[in-house]
Amino acid sequence: MLPQQQIEEFLSWSHIRAVAGYAGVSISIPDWDSGVDGTFRRLAVRGARRFPCGYALDFQLKASKNCQIGSEHIVYDLAVKTYNDLVSRRDSLQTIGCLLILKCLPNDPANWIESNEDGL
């Protein structure tokens, strides 16, 4: 059996790839971990060919069962380093934005495969 953290990561990647595919955007994954897990790009269509175009949007992907979903806020204990990386990018005019995507998992791992709007 895989470690819980790795299972959580696989589930979050599967979910975000499905959502991106449905939305018609591409995902690029960097070769090394530099605080960015991937980049979204819109796909344009020319004839039968699709290609990435437009502005890019980087994202940091997390998954956890330690989330509290409220009516207006989601509470999640994000590592200070990750938070600081996201905030410094937000405040810099020289970089593209970086979106934090959090996959909130139920407490019972038997229900982790079930997916709905509340989970992402």
C-alpha atoms as a PDB file:
ATOM      1  CA  MET A   1       0.000   0.000   0.000  1.00  0.00           C
ATOM      2  CA  LEU A   2       1.204   3.506  -0.798  1.00  0.00           C
ATOM      3  CA  PRO A   3       1.703   6.094   1.948  1.00  0.00           C
ATOM      4  CA  GLN A   4      -1.403   8.201   2.626  1.00  0.00           C
ATOM      5  CA  GLN A   5       0.249  11.431   1.441  1.00  0.00           C
ATOM      6  CA  GLN A   6       1.100   9.881  -1.931  1.00  0.00           C
ATOM      7  CA  ILE A   7      -2.454   8.561  -2.359  1.00  0.00           C
ATOM      8  CA  GLU A   8      -3.795  12.055  -1.577  1.00  0.00           C
ATOM      9  CA  GLU A   9      -1.448  13.541  -4.190  1.00  0.00           C
ATOM     10  CA  PHE A  10      -2.492  11.006  -6.859  1.00  0.00           C
ATOM     11  CA  LEU A  11      -6.166  11.738  -6.191  1.00  0.00           C
ATOM     12  CA  SER A  12      -5.687  15.499  -6.445  1.00  0.00           C
ATOM     13  CA  TRP A  13      -3.768  15.139  -9.729  1.00  0.00           C
ATOM     14  CA  SER A  14      -6.436  12.856 -11.173  1.00  0.00           C
ATOM     15  CA  HIS A  15      -9.165  15.306 -10.218  1.00  0.00           C
ATOM     16  CA  ILE A  16      -7.423  18.392 -11.592  1.00  0.00           C
ATOM     17  CA  ARG A  17      -6.524  16.659 -14.866  1.00  0.00           C
ATOM     18  CA  ALA A  18     -10.157  15.649 -15.340  1.00  0.00           C
ATOM     19  CA  VAL A  19     -11.414  19.175 -14.621  1.00  0.00           C
ATOM     20  CA  ALA A  20      -8.787  20.737 -16.923  1.00  0.00           C
ATOM     21  CA  GLY A  21      -9.637  18.319 -19.710  1.00  0.00           C
ATOM     22  CA  TYR A  22     -13.318  19.092 -19.395  1.00  0.00           C
ATOM     23  CA  ALA A  23     -12.574  22.850 -19.378  1.00  0.00           C
ATOM     24  CA  GLY A  24     -10.388  22.566 -22.471  1.00  0.00           C
ATOM     25  CA  VAL A  25      -7.129  23.750 -20.951  1.00  0.00           C
ATOM     26  CA  SER A  26      -3.712  22.143 -21.043  1.00  0.00           C
ATOM     27  CA  ILE A  27      -1.542  21.380 -18.040  1.00  0.00           C
ATOM     28  CA  SER A  28       2.243  21.624 -18.112  1.00  0.00           C
ATOM     29  CA  ILE A  29       4.256  20.074 -15.292  1.00  0.00           C
ATOM     30  CA  PRO A  30       7.761  21.407 -14.511  1.00  0.00           C
ATOM     31  CA  ASP A  31      10.699  19.026 -14.417  1.00  0.00           C
ATOM     32  CA  TRP A  32      11.639  20.027 -10.856  1.00  0.00           C
ATOM     33  CA  ASP A  33       9.800  21.230  -7.775  1.00  0.00           C
ATOM     34  CA  SER A  34      10.191  24.982  -7.562  1.00  0.00           C
ATOM     35  CA  GLY A  35       7.019  25.691  -5.612  1.00  0.00           C
ATOM     36  CA  VAL A  36       4.853  25.375  -8.734  1.00  0.00           C
ATOM     37  CA  ASP A  37       3.180  22.057  -9.463  1.00  0.00           C
ATOM     38  CA  GLY A  38       1.902  22.984 -12.900  1.00  0.00           C
ATOM     39  CA  THR A  39       0.680  25.592 -15.353  1.00  0.00           C
ATOM     40  CA  PHE A  40      -2.686  25.953 -17.051  1.00  0.00           C
ATOM     41  CA  ARG A  41      -3.011  27.323 -20.597  1.00  0.00           C
ATOM     42  CA  ARG A  42      -6.129  27.779 -22.657  1.00  0.00           C
ATOM     43  CA  LEU A  43      -6.308  25.651 -25.791  1.00  0.00           C
ATOM     44  CA  ALA A  44      -7.152  27.347 -29.069  1.00  0.00           C
ATOM     45  CA  VAL A  45      -8.502  25.488 -32.075  1.00  0.00           C
ATOM     46  CA  ARG A  46      -7.339  26.004 -35.634  1.00  0.00           C
ATOM     47  CA  GLY A  47      -8.942  23.504 -37.962  1.00  0.00           C
ATOM     48  CA  ALA A  48      -8.491  20.080 -36.361  1.00  0.00           C
ATOM     49  CA  ARG A  49      -5.444  21.189 -34.368  1.00  0.00           C
ATOM     50  CA  ARG A  50      -5.432  22.346 -30.740  1.00  0.00           C
ATOM     51  CA  PHE A  51      -2.597  24.347 -29.254  1.00  0.00           C
ATOM     52  CA  PRO A  52      -1.903  26.259 -26.010  1.00  0.00           C
ATOM     53  CA  CYS A  53      -2.275  30.017 -26.243  1.00  0.00           C
ATOM     54  CA  GLY A  54      -3.057  33.041 -24.125  1.00  0.00           C
ATOM     55  CA  TYR A  55      -1.842  33.780 -20.631  1.00  0.00           C
ATOM     56  CA  ALA A  56      -0.497  31.047 -18.386  1.00  0.00           C
ATOM     57  CA  LEU A  57      -1.637  30.443 -14.815  1.00  0.00           C
ATOM     58  CA  ASP A  58       0.627  28.534 -12.433  1.00  0.00           C
ATOM     59  CA  PHE A  59      -0.820  26.434  -9.656  1.00  0.00           C
ATOM     60  CA  GLN A  60       0.223  24.737  -6.426  1.00  0.00           C
ATOM     61  CA  LEU A  61      -1.762  21.549  -5.798  1.00  0.00           C
ATOM     62  CA  LYS A  62      -2.553  20.214  -2.316  1.00  0.00           C
ATOM     63  CA  ALA A  63      -4.792  17.457  -0.984  1.00  0.00           C
ATOM     64  CA  SER A  64      -5.798  16.773   2.592  1.00  0.00           C
ATOM     65  CA  LYS A  65      -8.492  15.365   4.807  1.00  0.00           C
ATOM     66  CA  ASN A  66      -7.580  18.107   7.311  1.00  0.00           C
ATOM     67  CA  CYS A  67      -9.791  20.789   5.760  1.00  0.00           C
ATOM     68  CA  GLN A  68     -12.806  22.556   7.195  1.00  0.00           C
ATOM     69  CA  ILE A  69     -15.275  23.774   4.587  1.00  0.00           C
ATOM     70  CA  GLY A  70     -17.470  26.636   5.778  1.00  0.00           C
ATOM     71  CA  SER A  71     -20.089  28.689   3.964  1.00  0.00           C
ATOM     72  CA  GLU A  72     -17.608  31.436   3.063  1.00  0.00           C
ATOM     73  CA  HIS A  73     -14.137  30.085   3.921  1.00  0.00           C
ATOM     74  CA  ILE A  74     -12.059  26.953   3.763  1.00  0.00           C
ATOM     75  CA  VAL A  75      -9.680  26.410   6.668  1.00  0.00           C
ATOM     76  CA  TYR A  76      -6.487  24.521   5.835  1.00  0.00           C
ATOM     77  CA  ASP A  77      -3.112  24.582   7.579  1.00  0.00           C
ATOM     78  CA  LEU A  78      -0.794  25.580   4.732  1.00  0.00           C
ATOM     79  CA  ALA A  79       2.964  25.394   5.314  1.00  0.00           C
ATOM     80  CA  VAL A  80       4.510  28.839   5.928  1.00  0.00           C
ATOM     81  CA  LYS A  81       6.983  28.400   3.059  1.00  0.00           C
ATOM     82  CA  THR A  82       4.186  27.637   0.598  1.00  0.00           C
ATOM     83  CA  TYR A  83       2.083  30.543   1.848  1.00  0.00           C
ATOM     84  CA  ASN A  84       5.017  32.949   1.549  1.00  0.00           C
ATOM     85  CA  ASP A  85       5.763  31.722  -1.993  1.00  0.00           C
ATOM     86  CA  LEU A  86       2.152  32.341  -3.046  1.00  0.00           C
ATOM     87  CA  VAL A  87       1.949  35.782  -1.412  1.00  0.00           C
ATOM     88  CA  SER A  88       5.274  36.975  -2.845  1.00  0.00           C
ATOM     89  CA  ARG A  89       4.089  36.020  -6.337  1.00  0.00           C
ATOM     90  CA  ARG A  90       0.806  37.842  -5.791  1.00  0.00           C
ATOM     91  CA  ASP A  91       2.629  41.009  -4.802  1.00  0.00           C
ATOM     92  CA  SER A  92       5.102  40.908  -7.701  1.00  0.00           C
ATOM     93  CA  LEU A  93       4.184  42.503 -11.017  1.00  0.00           C
ATOM     94  CA  GLN A  94       6.961  40.561 -12.748  1.00  0.00           C
ATOM     95  CA  THR A  95       5.459  37.070 -12.417  1.00  0.00           C
ATOM     96  CA  ILE A  96       2.216  35.439 -13.387  1.00  0.00           C
ATOM     97  CA  GLY A  97      -0.195  34.518 -10.624  1.00  0.00           C
ATOM     98  CA  CYS A  98      -0.126  31.231  -8.787  1.00  0.00           C
ATOM     99  CA  LEU A  99      -3.364  29.576  -7.764  1.00  0.00           C
ATOM    100  CA  LEU A 100      -3.617  27.317  -4.728  1.00  0.00           C
ATOM    101  CA  ILE A 101      -5.817  24.313  -5.525  1.00  0.00           C
ATOM    102  CA  LEU A 102      -6.892  22.273  -2.519  1.00  0.00           C
ATOM    103  CA  LYS A 103      -8.545  18.865  -2.838  1.00  0.00           C
ATOM    104  CA  CYS A 104     -10.502  18.359   0.405  1.00  0.00           C
ATOM    105  CA  LEU A 105     -10.879  14.669   1.145  1.00  0.00           C
ATOM    106  CA  PRO A 106     -13.406  13.034   3.469  1.00  0.00           C
ATOM    107  CA  ASN A 107     -12.054  11.630   6.742  1.00  0.00           C
ATOM    108  CA  ASP A 108     -12.842   8.063   5.678  1.00  0.00           C
ATOM    109  CA  PRO A 109     -10.384   6.912   2.964  1.00  0.00           C
ATOM    110  CA  ALA A 110     -13.072   4.532   1.660  1.00  0.00           C
ATOM    111  CA  ASN A 111     -14.875   7.649   0.369  1.00  0.00           C
ATOM    112  CA  TRP A 112     -11.865   9.308  -1.288  1.00  0.00           C
ATOM    113  CA  ILE A 113     -12.786   8.152  -4.782  1.00  0.00           C
ATOM    114  CA  GLU A 114     -16.184   9.851  -4.618  1.00  0.00           C
ATOM    115  CA  SER A 115     -15.954  13.289  -6.155  1.00  0.00           C
ATOM    116  CA  ASN A 116     -18.217  16.297  -6.064  1.00  0.00           C
ATOM    117  CA  GLU A 117     -18.154  20.068  -6.265  1.00  0.00           C
ATOM    118  CA  ASP A 118     -17.437  20.415  -2.520  1.00  0.00           C
ATOM    119  CA  GLY A 119     -14.212  18.410  -2.806  1.00  0.00           C
ATOM    120  CA  LEU A 120     -12.355  20.933  -4.927  1.00  0.00           C
END
